[in-house]
Amino acid sequence: KEFLEMKNHPCAGAQIVKRIKFLDDVVPVIYHHHERWDGKGYPDGLAGGKIPIGSRILAVIDAFDAMTSERPYRNAVAVPVAMDELRRCSGTQFDPTVVKAFLEILADHP
């Protein structure tokens, strides 16, 4: 039940941002940022290149931030651990090109 409620947050976020006219281009990015490269995500089950590029980028950044931030239910993981998890999920959860670019940027800015 909680997971179903949590899955609503991309839709809720998009609805909030939709009210701000100059952010119109961001609405689909927010709405689709939990789609997965392999099509097993939500809300629409989009896969691969059908997911907006901004959403694919936000998915990687959001996951990295979630892993490396303290949460009430778990400790943050170290940056190298988060990087390994992005590599592991590249091609299934995340766009491999986006993961590669993000990891290169991190390597250039330790």
PDB file of N, CA and C in Angstrom:
ATOM      1  N   LYS A   1       0.828  -1.193   0.000  1.00  0.00           N
ATOM      2  CA  LYS A   1       0.000   0.000   0.000  1.00  0.00           C
ATOM      3  C   LYS A   1       0.879   1.267   0.000  1.00  0.00           C
ATOM      4  N   GLU A   2       1.940   1.272   0.836  1.00  0.00           N
ATOM      5  CA  GLU A   2       2.830   2.428   0.887  1.00  0.00           C
ATOM      6  C   GLU A   2       3.565   2.627  -0.437  1.00  0.00           C
ATOM      7  N   PHE A   3       3.974   1.506  -1.071  1.00  0.00           N
ATOM      8  CA  PHE A   3       4.680   1.619  -2.347  1.00  0.00           C
ATOM      9  C   PHE A   3       3.767   2.217  -3.413  1.00  0.00           C
ATOM     10  N   LEU A   4       2.500   1.834  -3.419  1.00  0.00           N
ATOM     11  CA  LEU A   4       1.559   2.411  -4.378  1.00  0.00           C
ATOM     12  C   LEU A   4       1.417   3.913  -4.168  1.00  0.00           C
ATOM     13  N   GLU A   5       1.383   4.325  -2.921  1.00  0.00           N
ATOM     14  CA  GLU A   5       1.305   5.756  -2.615  1.00  0.00           C
ATOM     15  C   GLU A   5       2.582   6.469  -3.061  1.00  0.00           C
ATOM     16  N   MET A   6       3.737   5.849  -2.795  1.00  0.00           N
ATOM     17  CA  MET A   6       5.005   6.443  -3.180  1.00  0.00           C
ATOM     18  C   MET A   6       5.100   6.578  -4.711  1.00  0.00           C
ATOM     19  N   LYS A   7       4.562   5.609  -5.426  1.00  0.00           N
ATOM     20  CA  LYS A   7       4.615   5.653  -6.889  1.00  0.00           C
ATOM     21  C   LYS A   7       3.844   6.840  -7.460  1.00  0.00           C
ATOM     22  N   ASN A   8       3.023   7.482  -6.660  1.00  0.00           N
ATOM     23  CA  ASN A   8       2.247   8.629  -7.119  1.00  0.00           C
ATOM     24  C   ASN A   8       3.069   9.916  -7.151  1.00  0.00           C
ATOM     25  N   HIS A   9       4.245   9.924  -6.524  1.00  0.00           N
ATOM     26  CA  HIS A   9       4.952  11.195  -6.398  1.00  0.00           C
ATOM     27  C   HIS A   9       5.392  11.818  -7.724  1.00  0.00           C
ATOM     28  N   PRO A  10       5.746  11.081  -8.781  1.00  0.00           N
ATOM     29  CA  PRO A  10       6.054  11.770 -10.042  1.00  0.00           C
ATOM     30  C   PRO A  10       4.842  12.509 -10.604  1.00  0.00           C
ATOM     31  N   CYS A  11       3.674  11.904 -10.469  1.00  0.00           N
ATOM     32  CA  CYS A  11       2.444  12.548 -10.954  1.00  0.00           C
ATOM     33  C   CYS A  11       2.137  13.784 -10.115  1.00  0.00           C
ATOM     34  N   ALA A  12       2.264  13.655  -8.794  1.00  0.00           N
ATOM     35  CA  ALA A  12       1.996  14.782  -7.903  1.00  0.00           C
ATOM     36  C   ALA A  12       2.982  15.920  -8.164  1.00  0.00           C
ATOM     37  N   GLY A  13       4.251  15.582  -8.323  1.00  0.00           N
ATOM     38  CA  GLY A  13       5.260  16.603  -8.605  1.00  0.00           C
ATOM     39  C   GLY A  13       4.994  17.321  -9.910  1.00  0.00           C
ATOM     40  N   ALA A  14       4.627  16.570 -10.934  1.00  0.00           N
ATOM     41  CA  ALA A  14       4.317  17.169 -12.231  1.00  0.00           C
ATOM     42  C   ALA A  14       3.110  18.099 -12.126  1.00  0.00           C
ATOM     43  N   GLN A  15       2.111  17.697 -11.362  1.00  0.00           N
ATOM     44  CA  GLN A  15       0.918  18.535 -11.184  1.00  0.00           C
ATOM     45  C   GLN A  15       1.265  19.850 -10.483  1.00  0.00           C
ATOM     46  N   ILE A  16       2.148  19.795  -9.514  1.00  0.00           N
ATOM     47  CA  ILE A  16       2.552  21.012  -8.802  1.00  0.00           C
ATOM     48  C   ILE A  16       3.298  21.953  -9.743  1.00  0.00           C
ATOM     49  N   VAL A  17       4.268  21.415 -10.472  1.00  0.00           N
ATOM     50  CA  VAL A  17       5.094  22.233 -11.362  1.00  0.00           C
ATOM     51  C   VAL A  17       4.290  22.747 -12.550  1.00  0.00           C
ATOM     52  N   LYS A  18       3.273  22.001 -12.950  1.00  0.00           N
ATOM     53  CA  LYS A  18       2.427  22.383 -14.087  1.00  0.00           C
ATOM     54  C   LYS A  18       1.770  23.749 -13.874  1.00  0.00           C
ATOM     55  N   ARG A  19       1.594  24.132 -12.642  1.00  0.00           N
ATOM     56  CA  ARG A  19       0.953  25.418 -12.318  1.00  0.00           C
ATOM     57  C   ARG A  19       1.868  26.611 -12.582  1.00  0.00           C
ATOM     58  N   ILE A  20       3.156  26.343 -12.780  1.00  0.00           N
ATOM     59  CA  ILE A  20       4.139  27.414 -12.975  1.00  0.00           C
ATOM     60  C   ILE A  20       4.468  27.470 -14.464  1.00  0.00           C
ATOM     61  N   LYS A  21       3.925  28.443 -15.148  1.00  0.00           N
ATOM     62  CA  LYS A  21       3.966  28.506 -16.613  1.00  0.00           C
ATOM     63  C   LYS A  21       5.381  28.390 -17.188  1.00  0.00           C
ATOM     64  N   PHE A  22       6.363  29.081 -16.613  1.00  0.00           N
ATOM     65  CA  PHE A  22       7.698  29.057 -17.211  1.00  0.00           C
ATOM     66  C   PHE A  22       8.412  27.718 -17.026  1.00  0.00           C
ATOM     67  N   LEU A  23       7.805  26.786 -16.265  1.00  0.00           N
ATOM     68  CA  LEU A  23       8.388  25.459 -16.082  1.00  0.00           C
ATOM     69  C   LEU A  23       7.677  24.380 -16.910  1.00  0.00           C
ATOM     70  N   ASP A  24       6.901  24.801 -17.899  1.00  0.00           N
ATOM     71  CA  ASP A  24       6.162  23.834 -18.736  1.00  0.00           C
ATOM     72  C   ASP A  24       7.048  22.725 -19.290  1.00  0.00           C
ATOM     73  N   ASP A  25       8.263  23.066 -19.716  1.00  0.00           N
ATOM     74  CA  ASP A  25       9.151  22.069 -20.315  1.00  0.00           C
ATOM     75  C   ASP A  25       9.643  21.037 -19.293  1.00  0.00           C
ATOM     76  N   VAL A  26       9.564  21.365 -18.011  1.00  0.00           N
ATOM     77  CA  VAL A  26      10.062  20.485 -16.961  1.00  0.00           C
ATOM     78  C   VAL A  26       9.011  19.445 -16.540  1.00  0.00           C
ATOM     79  N   VAL A  27       7.743  19.709 -16.811  1.00  0.00           N
ATOM     80  CA  VAL A  27       6.671  18.821 -16.368  1.00  0.00           C
ATOM     81  C   VAL A  27       6.885  17.375 -16.835  1.00  0.00           C
ATOM     82  N   PRO A  28       7.143  17.107 -18.132  1.00  0.00           N
ATOM     83  CA  PRO A  28       7.356  15.717 -18.528  1.00  0.00           C
ATOM     84  C   PRO A  28       8.623  15.102 -17.930  1.00  0.00           C
ATOM     85  N   VAL A  29       9.621  15.916 -17.665  1.00  0.00           N
ATOM     86  CA  VAL A  29      10.860  15.418 -17.046  1.00  0.00           C
ATOM     87  C   VAL A  29      10.544  14.868 -15.658  1.00  0.00           C
ATOM     88  N   ILE A  30       9.800  15.630 -14.888  1.00  0.00           N
ATOM     89  CA  ILE A  30       9.418  15.198 -13.546  1.00  0.00           C
ATOM     90  C   ILE A  30       8.481  13.992 -13.619  1.00  0.00           C
ATOM     91  N   TYR A  31       7.507  14.062 -14.494  1.00  0.00           N
ATOM     92  CA  TYR A  31       6.503  13.002 -14.603  1.00  0.00           C
ATOM     93  C   TYR A  31       7.138  11.640 -14.920  1.00  0.00           C
ATOM     94  N   HIS A  32       8.174  11.629 -15.750  1.00  0.00           N
ATOM     95  CA  HIS A  32       8.754  10.359 -16.216  1.00  0.00           C
ATOM     96  C   HIS A  32      10.067   9.972 -15.547  1.00  0.00           C
ATOM     97  N   HIS A  33      10.474  10.642 -14.469  1.00  0.00           N
ATOM     98  CA  HIS A  33      11.810  10.367 -13.916  1.00  0.00           C
ATOM     99  C   HIS A  33      11.910   9.025 -13.191  1.00  0.00           C
ATOM    100  N   HIS A  34      10.807   8.291 -13.036  1.00  0.00           N
ATOM    101  CA  HIS A  34      10.878   6.941 -12.467  1.00  0.00           C
ATOM    102  C   HIS A  34      10.600   5.856 -13.508  1.00  0.00           C
ATOM    103  N   GLU A  35      10.629   6.231 -14.774  1.00  0.00           N
ATOM    104  CA  GLU A  35      10.612   5.220 -15.825  1.00  0.00           C
ATOM    105  C   GLU A  35      11.968   4.522 -15.786  1.00  0.00           C
ATOM    106  N   ARG A  36      12.016   3.322 -16.314  1.00  0.00           N
ATOM    107  CA  ARG A  36      13.276   2.570 -16.338  1.00  0.00           C
ATOM    108  C   ARG A  36      13.678   2.286 -17.771  1.00  0.00           C
ATOM    109  N   TRP A  37      14.959   2.223 -18.011  1.00  0.00           N
ATOM    110  CA  TRP A  37      15.503   1.945 -19.337  1.00  0.00           C
ATOM    111  C   TRP A  37      14.899   0.664 -19.911  1.00  0.00           C
ATOM    112  N   ASP A  38      14.666  -0.341 -19.049  1.00  0.00           N
ATOM    113  CA  ASP A  38      14.120  -1.626 -19.505  1.00  0.00           C
ATOM    114  C   ASP A  38      12.593  -1.649 -19.586  1.00  0.00           C
ATOM    115  N   GLY A  39      11.934  -0.536 -19.301  1.00  0.00           N
ATOM    116  CA  GLY A  39      10.481  -0.452 -19.419  1.00  0.00           C
ATOM    117  C   GLY A  39       9.715  -0.898 -18.185  1.00  0.00           C
ATOM    118  N   LYS A  40      10.404  -1.227 -17.107  1.00  0.00           N
ATOM    119  CA  LYS A  40       9.739  -1.732 -15.894  1.00  0.00           C
ATOM    120  C   LYS A  40       9.443  -0.635 -14.872  1.00  0.00           C
ATOM    121  N   GLY A  41       9.531   0.619 -15.279  1.00  0.00           N
ATOM    122  CA  GLY A  41       9.300   1.722 -14.353  1.00  0.00           C
ATOM    123  C   GLY A  41       7.863   2.202 -14.368  1.00  0.00           C
ATOM    124  N   TYR A  42       7.656   3.388 -13.837  1.00  0.00           N
ATOM    125  CA  TYR A  42       6.325   3.971 -13.749  1.00  0.00           C
ATOM    126  C   TYR A  42       6.445   5.477 -13.950  1.00  0.00           C
ATOM    127  N   PRO A  43       5.415   6.167 -14.330  1.00  0.00           N
ATOM    128  CA  PRO A  43       4.008   5.761 -14.341  1.00  0.00           C
ATOM    129  C   PRO A  43       3.527   5.091 -15.630  1.00  0.00           C
ATOM    130  N   ASP A  44       4.253   5.224 -16.736  1.00  0.00           N
ATOM    131  CA  ASP A  44       3.745   4.729 -18.021  1.00  0.00           C
ATOM    132  C   ASP A  44       4.473   3.517 -18.581  1.00  0.00           C
ATOM    133  N   GLY A  45       5.502   3.042 -17.912  1.00  0.00           N
ATOM    134  CA  GLY A  45       6.241   1.886 -18.405  1.00  0.00           C
ATOM    135  C   GLY A  45       7.006   2.161 -19.685  1.00  0.00           C
ATOM    136  N   LEU A  46       7.451   3.414 -19.867  1.00  0.00           N
ATOM    137  CA  LEU A  46       8.241   3.749 -21.057  1.00  0.00           C
ATOM    138  C   LEU A  46       9.605   3.071 -20.970  1.00  0.00           C
ATOM    139  N   ALA A  47      10.218   2.835 -22.132  1.00  0.00           N
ATOM    140  CA  ALA A  47      11.529   2.186 -22.181  1.00  0.00           C
ATOM    141  C   ALA A  47      12.452   2.938 -23.130  1.00  0.00           C
ATOM    142  N   GLY A  48      13.747   2.808 -22.849  1.00  0.00           N
ATOM    143  CA  GLY A  48      14.779   3.313 -23.753  1.00  0.00           C
ATOM    144  C   GLY A  48      14.581   4.759 -24.156  1.00  0.00           C
ATOM    145  N   GLY A  49      14.740   5.001 -25.458  1.00  0.00           N
ATOM    146  CA  GLY A  49      14.653   6.345 -26.019  1.00  0.00           C
ATOM    147  C   GLY A  49      13.278   6.967 -25.954  1.00  0.00           C
ATOM    148  N   LYS A  50      12.275   6.214 -25.552  1.00  0.00           N
ATOM    149  CA  LYS A  50      10.935   6.795 -25.403  1.00  0.00           C
ATOM    150  C   LYS A  50      10.820   7.619 -24.115  1.00  0.00           C
ATOM    151  N   ILE A  51      11.753   7.417 -23.206  1.00  0.00           N
ATOM    152  CA  ILE A  51      11.785   8.210 -21.974  1.00  0.00           C
ATOM    153  C   ILE A  51      12.460   9.540 -22.321  1.00  0.00           C
ATOM    154  N   PRO A  52      11.857  10.670 -21.960  1.00  0.00           N
ATOM    155  CA  PRO A  52      12.517  11.955 -22.253  1.00  0.00           C
ATOM    156  C   PRO A  52      13.938  11.982 -21.681  1.00  0.00           C
ATOM    157  N   ILE A  53      14.864  12.548 -22.441  1.00  0.00           N
ATOM    158  CA  ILE A  53      16.263  12.580 -22.019  1.00  0.00           C
ATOM    159  C   ILE A  53      16.419  13.275 -20.668  1.00  0.00           C
ATOM    160  N   GLY A  54      15.674  14.327 -20.427  1.00  0.00           N
ATOM    161  CA  GLY A  54      15.753  15.004 -19.136  1.00  0.00           C
ATOM    162  C   GLY A  54      15.365  14.084 -17.990  1.00  0.00           C
ATOM    163  N   SER A  55      14.384  13.226 -18.223  1.00  0.00           N
ATOM    164  CA  SER A  55      13.953  12.262 -17.206  1.00  0.00           C
ATOM    165  C   SER A  55      15.020  11.215 -16.964  1.00  0.00           C
ATOM    166  N   ARG A  56      15.702  10.792 -18.029  1.00  0.00           N
ATOM    167  CA  ARG A  56      16.777   9.808 -17.879  1.00  0.00           C
ATOM    168  C   ARG A  56      17.932  10.383 -17.076  1.00  0.00           C
ATOM    169  N   ILE A  57      18.222  11.659 -17.302  1.00  0.00           N
ATOM    170  CA  ILE A  57      19.283  12.334 -16.548  1.00  0.00           C
ATOM    171  C   ILE A  57      18.854  12.501 -15.093  1.00  0.00           C
ATOM    172  N   LEU A  58      17.636  12.985 -14.879  1.00  0.00           N
ATOM    173  CA  LEU A  58      17.138  13.186 -13.518  1.00  0.00           C
ATOM    174  C   LEU A  58      17.087  11.872 -12.745  1.00  0.00           C
ATOM    175  N   ALA A  59      16.756  10.774 -13.399  1.00  0.00           N
ATOM    176  CA  ALA A  59      16.701   9.471 -12.720  1.00  0.00           C
ATOM    177  C   ALA A  59      18.059   9.102 -12.124  1.00  0.00           C
ATOM    178  N   VAL A  60      19.116   9.323 -12.873  1.00  0.00           N
ATOM    179  CA  VAL A  60      20.465   8.997 -12.392  1.00  0.00           C
ATOM    180  C   VAL A  60      20.864   9.928 -11.246  1.00  0.00           C
ATOM    181  N   ILE A  61      20.623  11.217 -11.424  1.00  0.00           N
ATOM    182  CA  ILE A  61      20.982  12.188 -10.390  1.00  0.00           C
ATOM    183  C   ILE A  61      20.174  11.947  -9.119  1.00  0.00           C
ATOM    184  N   ASP A  62      18.885  11.685  -9.272  1.00  0.00           N
ATOM    185  CA  ASP A  62      18.000  11.442  -8.132  1.00  0.00           C
ATOM    186  C   ASP A  62      18.430  10.189  -7.370  1.00  0.00           C
ATOM    187  N   ALA A  63      18.758   9.133  -8.093  1.00  0.00           N
ATOM    188  CA  ALA A  63      19.200   7.895  -7.447  1.00  0.00           C
ATOM    189  C   ALA A  63      20.517   8.112  -6.707  1.00  0.00           C
ATOM    190  N   PHE A  64      21.461   8.804  -7.342  1.00  0.00           N
ATOM    191  CA  PHE A  64      22.744   9.085  -6.697  1.00  0.00           C
ATOM    192  C   PHE A  64      22.534   9.901  -5.426  1.00  0.00           C
ATOM    193  N   ASP A  65      21.708  10.928  -5.513  1.00  0.00           N
ATOM    194  CA  ASP A  65      21.422  11.759  -4.343  1.00  0.00           C
ATOM    195  C   ASP A  65      20.754  10.942  -3.242  1.00  0.00           C
ATOM    196  N   ALA A  66      19.805  10.098  -3.611  1.00  0.00           N
ATOM    197  CA  ALA A  66      19.116   9.265  -2.620  1.00  0.00           C
ATOM    198  C   ALA A  66      20.094   8.323  -1.917  1.00  0.00           C
ATOM    199  N   MET A  67      20.998   7.736  -2.679  1.00  0.00           N
ATOM    200  CA  MET A  67      21.954   6.800  -2.081  1.00  0.00           C
ATOM    201  C   MET A  67      22.962   7.491  -1.182  1.00  0.00           C
ATOM    202  N   THR A  68      23.390   8.687  -1.547  1.00  0.00           N
ATOM    203  CA  THR A  68      24.470   9.352  -0.817  1.00  0.00           C
ATOM    204  C   THR A  68      23.972  10.314   0.261  1.00  0.00           C
ATOM    205  N   SER A  69      22.663  10.369   0.459  1.00  0.00           N
ATOM    206  CA  SER A  69      22.066  11.223   1.492  1.00  0.00           C
ATOM    207  C   SER A  69      21.576  10.381   2.659  1.00  0.00           C
ATOM    208  N   GLU A  70      21.711  10.928   3.850  1.00  0.00           N
ATOM    209  CA  GLU A  70      21.164  10.267   5.041  1.00  0.00           C
ATOM    210  C   GLU A  70      19.638  10.245   4.932  1.00  0.00           C
ATOM    211  N   ARG A  71      19.066   9.134   5.324  1.00  0.00           N
ATOM    212  CA  ARG A  71      17.615   8.995   5.364  1.00  0.00           C
ATOM    213  C   ARG A  71      17.222   8.534   6.757  1.00  0.00           C
ATOM    214  N   PRO A  72      15.987   8.795   7.173  1.00  0.00           N
ATOM    215  CA  PRO A  72      15.575   8.348   8.515  1.00  0.00           C
ATOM    216  C   PRO A  72      15.656   6.830   8.689  1.00  0.00           C
ATOM    217  N   TYR A  73      15.544   6.105   7.582  1.00  0.00           N
ATOM    218  CA  TYR A  73      15.488   4.641   7.636  1.00  0.00           C
ATOM    219  C   TYR A  73      16.805   3.958   7.285  1.00  0.00           C
ATOM    220  N   ARG A  74      17.858   4.759   6.892  1.00  0.00           N
ATOM    221  CA  ARG A  74      19.156   4.149   6.597  1.00  0.00           C
ATOM    222  C   ARG A  74      20.216   5.224   6.475  1.00  0.00           C
ATOM    223  N   ASN A  75      21.465   4.796   6.642  1.00  0.00           N
ATOM    224  CA  ASN A  75      22.602   5.698   6.501  1.00  0.00           C
ATOM    225  C   ASN A  75      22.917   5.924   5.025  1.00  0.00           C
ATOM    226  N   ALA A  76      23.567   7.030   4.742  1.00  0.00           N
ATOM    227  CA  ALA A  76      24.044   7.292   3.385  1.00  0.00           C
ATOM    228  C   ALA A  76      25.145   6.298   3.037  1.00  0.00           C
ATOM    229  N   VAL A  77      25.276   5.996   1.755  1.00  0.00           N
ATOM    230  CA  VAL A  77      26.382   5.155   1.309  1.00  0.00           C
ATOM    231  C   VAL A  77      27.492   6.063   0.770  1.00  0.00           C
ATOM    232  N   ALA A  78      28.697   5.544   0.748  1.00  0.00           N
ATOM    233  CA  ALA A  78      29.836   6.295   0.225  1.00  0.00           C
ATOM    234  C   ALA A  78      29.691   6.476  -1.285  1.00  0.00           C
ATOM    235  N   VAL A  79      30.280   7.551  -1.782  1.00  0.00           N
ATOM    236  CA  VAL A  79      30.201   7.855  -3.218  1.00  0.00           C
ATOM    237  C   VAL A  79      30.651   6.674  -4.079  1.00  0.00           C
ATOM    238  N   PRO A  80      31.775   6.009  -3.790  1.00  0.00           N
ATOM    239  CA  PRO A  80      32.174   4.874  -4.630  1.00  0.00           C
ATOM    240  C   PRO A  80      31.127   3.746  -4.648  1.00  0.00           C
ATOM    241  N   VAL A  81      30.452   3.540  -3.543  1.00  0.00           N
ATOM    242  CA  VAL A  81      29.403   2.510  -3.483  1.00  0.00           C
ATOM    243  C   VAL A  81      28.235   2.914  -4.380  1.00  0.00           C
ATOM    244  N   ALA A  82      27.847   4.185  -4.312  1.00  0.00           N
ATOM    245  CA  ALA A  82      26.761   4.678  -5.166  1.00  0.00           C
ATOM    246  C   ALA A  82      27.147   4.586  -6.640  1.00  0.00           C
ATOM    247  N   MET A  83      28.391   4.902  -6.947  1.00  0.00           N
ATOM    248  CA  MET A  83      28.862   4.795  -8.331  1.00  0.00           C
ATOM    249  C   MET A  83      28.784   3.349  -8.817  1.00  0.00           C
ATOM    250  N   ASP A  84      29.173   2.398  -7.976  1.00  0.00           N
ATOM    251  CA  ASP A  84      29.082   0.980  -8.337  1.00  0.00           C
ATOM    252  C   ASP A  84      27.638   0.563  -8.583  1.00  0.00           C
ATOM    253  N   GLU A  85      26.722   1.084  -7.781  1.00  0.00           N
ATOM    254  CA  GLU A  85      25.303   0.748  -7.956  1.00  0.00           C
ATOM    255  C   GLU A  85      24.766   1.318  -9.270  1.00  0.00           C
ATOM    256  N   LEU A  86      25.176   2.516  -9.624  1.00  0.00           N
ATOM    257  CA  LEU A  86      24.768   3.073 -10.921  1.00  0.00           C
ATOM    258  C   LEU A  86      25.303   2.208 -12.061  1.00  0.00           C
ATOM    259  N   ARG A  87      26.547   1.769 -11.949  1.00  0.00           N
ATOM    260  CA  ARG A  87      27.126   0.884 -12.977  1.00  0.00           C
ATOM    261  C   ARG A  87      26.330  -0.417 -13.064  1.00  0.00           C
ATOM    262  N   ARG A  88      26.003  -0.990 -11.902  1.00  0.00           N
ATOM    263  CA  ARG A  88      25.276  -2.261 -11.859  1.00  0.00           C
ATOM    264  C   ARG A  88      23.897  -2.145 -12.519  1.00  0.00           C
ATOM    265  N   CYS A  89      23.265  -0.996 -12.356  1.00  0.00           N
ATOM    266  CA  CYS A  89      21.901  -0.807 -12.873  1.00  0.00           C
ATOM    267  C   CYS A  89      21.877  -0.154 -14.255  1.00  0.00           C
ATOM    268  N   SER A  90      23.051   0.134 -14.798  1.00  0.00           N
ATOM    269  CA  SER A  90      23.147   0.711 -16.135  1.00  0.00           C
ATOM    270  C   SER A  90      22.660  -0.309 -17.160  1.00  0.00           C
ATOM    271  N   GLY A  91      21.760   0.115 -18.012  1.00  0.00           N
ATOM    272  CA  GLY A  91      21.220  -0.781 -19.037  1.00  0.00           C
ATOM    273  C   GLY A  91      19.951  -1.481 -18.613  1.00  0.00           C
ATOM    274  N   THR A  92      19.614  -1.434 -17.347  1.00  0.00           N
ATOM    275  CA  THR A  92      18.341  -1.993 -16.879  1.00  0.00           C
ATOM    276  C   THR A  92      17.492  -0.857 -16.317  1.00  0.00           C
ATOM    277  N   GLN A  93      17.916  -0.288 -15.201  1.00  0.00           N
ATOM    278  CA  GLN A  93      17.173   0.818 -14.616  1.00  0.00           C
ATOM    279  C   GLN A  93      17.518   2.140 -15.301  1.00  0.00           C
ATOM    280  N   PHE A  94      18.786   2.321 -15.624  1.00  0.00           N
ATOM    281  CA  PHE A  94      19.249   3.606 -16.130  1.00  0.00           C
ATOM    282  C   PHE A  94      19.791   3.517 -17.560  1.00  0.00           C
ATOM    283  N   ASP A  95      19.677   4.642 -18.263  1.00  0.00           N
ATOM    284  CA  ASP A  95      20.256   4.792 -19.595  1.00  0.00           C
ATOM    285  C   ASP A  95      21.773   4.675 -19.455  1.00  0.00           C
ATOM    286  N   PRO A  96      22.391   3.698 -20.136  1.00  0.00           N
ATOM    287  CA  PRO A  96      23.840   3.516 -19.994  1.00  0.00           C
ATOM    288  C   PRO A  96      24.665   4.727 -20.424  1.00  0.00           C
ATOM    289  N   THR A  97      24.213   5.458 -21.412  1.00  0.00           N
ATOM    290  CA  THR A  97      24.944   6.644 -21.863  1.00  0.00           C
ATOM    291  C   THR A  97      24.933   7.721 -20.789  1.00  0.00           C
ATOM    292  N   VAL A  98      23.805   7.883 -20.126  1.00  0.00           N
ATOM    293  CA  VAL A  98      23.691   8.881 -19.060  1.00  0.00           C
ATOM    294  C   VAL A  98      24.554   8.469 -17.873  1.00  0.00           C
ATOM    295  N   VAL A  99      24.523   7.205 -17.506  1.00  0.00           N
ATOM    296  CA  VAL A  99      25.349   6.728 -16.391  1.00  0.00           C
ATOM    297  C   VAL A  99      26.824   6.973 -16.701  1.00  0.00           C
ATOM    298  N   LYS A 100      27.243   6.624 -17.889  1.00  0.00           N
ATOM    299  CA  LYS A 100      28.647   6.807 -18.281  1.00  0.00           C
ATOM    300  C   LYS A 100      29.049   8.281 -18.169  1.00  0.00           C
ATOM    301  N   ALA A 101      28.222   9.171 -18.701  1.00  0.00           N
ATOM    302  CA  ALA A 101      28.529  10.602 -18.650  1.00  0.00           C
ATOM    303  C   ALA A 101      28.566  11.107 -17.209  1.00  0.00           C
ATOM    304  N   PHE A 102      27.599  10.694 -16.396  1.00  0.00           N
ATOM    305  CA  PHE A 102      27.550  11.128 -15.006  1.00  0.00           C
ATOM    306  C   PHE A 102      28.786  10.660 -14.244  1.00  0.00           C
ATOM    307  N   LEU A 103      29.177   9.410 -14.437  1.00  0.00           N
ATOM    308  CA  LEU A 103      30.355   8.876 -13.745  1.00  0.00           C
ATOM    309  C   LEU A 103      31.630   9.573 -14.202  1.00  0.00           C
ATOM    310  N   GLU A 104      31.699   9.941 -15.473  1.00  0.00           N
ATOM    311  CA  GLU A 104      32.865  10.688 -15.967  1.00  0.00           C
ATOM    312  C   GLU A 104      32.942  12.054 -15.304  1.00  0.00           C
ATOM    313  N   ILE A 105      31.795  12.706 -15.155  1.00  0.00           N
ATOM    314  CA  ILE A 105      31.764  14.025 -14.498  1.00  0.00           C
ATOM    315  C   ILE A 105      32.208  13.880 -13.040  1.00  0.00           C
ATOM    316  N   LEU A 106      31.705  12.861 -12.356  1.00  0.00           N
ATOM    317  CA  LEU A 106      32.117  12.639 -10.960  1.00  0.00           C
ATOM    318  C   LEU A 106      33.617  12.385 -10.862  1.00  0.00           C
ATOM    319  N   ALA A 107      34.162  11.619 -11.787  1.00  0.00           N
ATOM    320  CA  ALA A 107      35.591  11.313 -11.763  1.00  0.00           C
ATOM    321  C   ALA A 107      36.428  12.575 -11.979  1.00  0.00           C
ATOM    322  N   ASP A 108      35.911  13.503 -12.792  1.00  0.00           N
ATOM    323  CA  ASP A 108      36.617  14.751 -13.062  1.00  0.00           C
ATOM    324  C   ASP A 108      36.501  15.768 -11.935  1.00  0.00           C
ATOM    325  N   HIS A 109      35.529  15.556 -11.033  1.00  0.00           N
ATOM    326  CA  HIS A 109      35.273  16.500  -9.931  1.00  0.00           C
ATOM    327  C   HIS A 109      35.124  15.737  -8.611  1.00  0.00           C
ATOM    328  N   PRO A 110      36.237  15.170  -8.134  1.00  0.00           N
ATOM    329  CA  PRO A 110      36.146  14.356  -6.897  1.00  0.00           C
ATOM    330  C   PRO A 110      35.753  15.155  -5.667  1.00  0.00           C
TER     331      PRO A 110
END
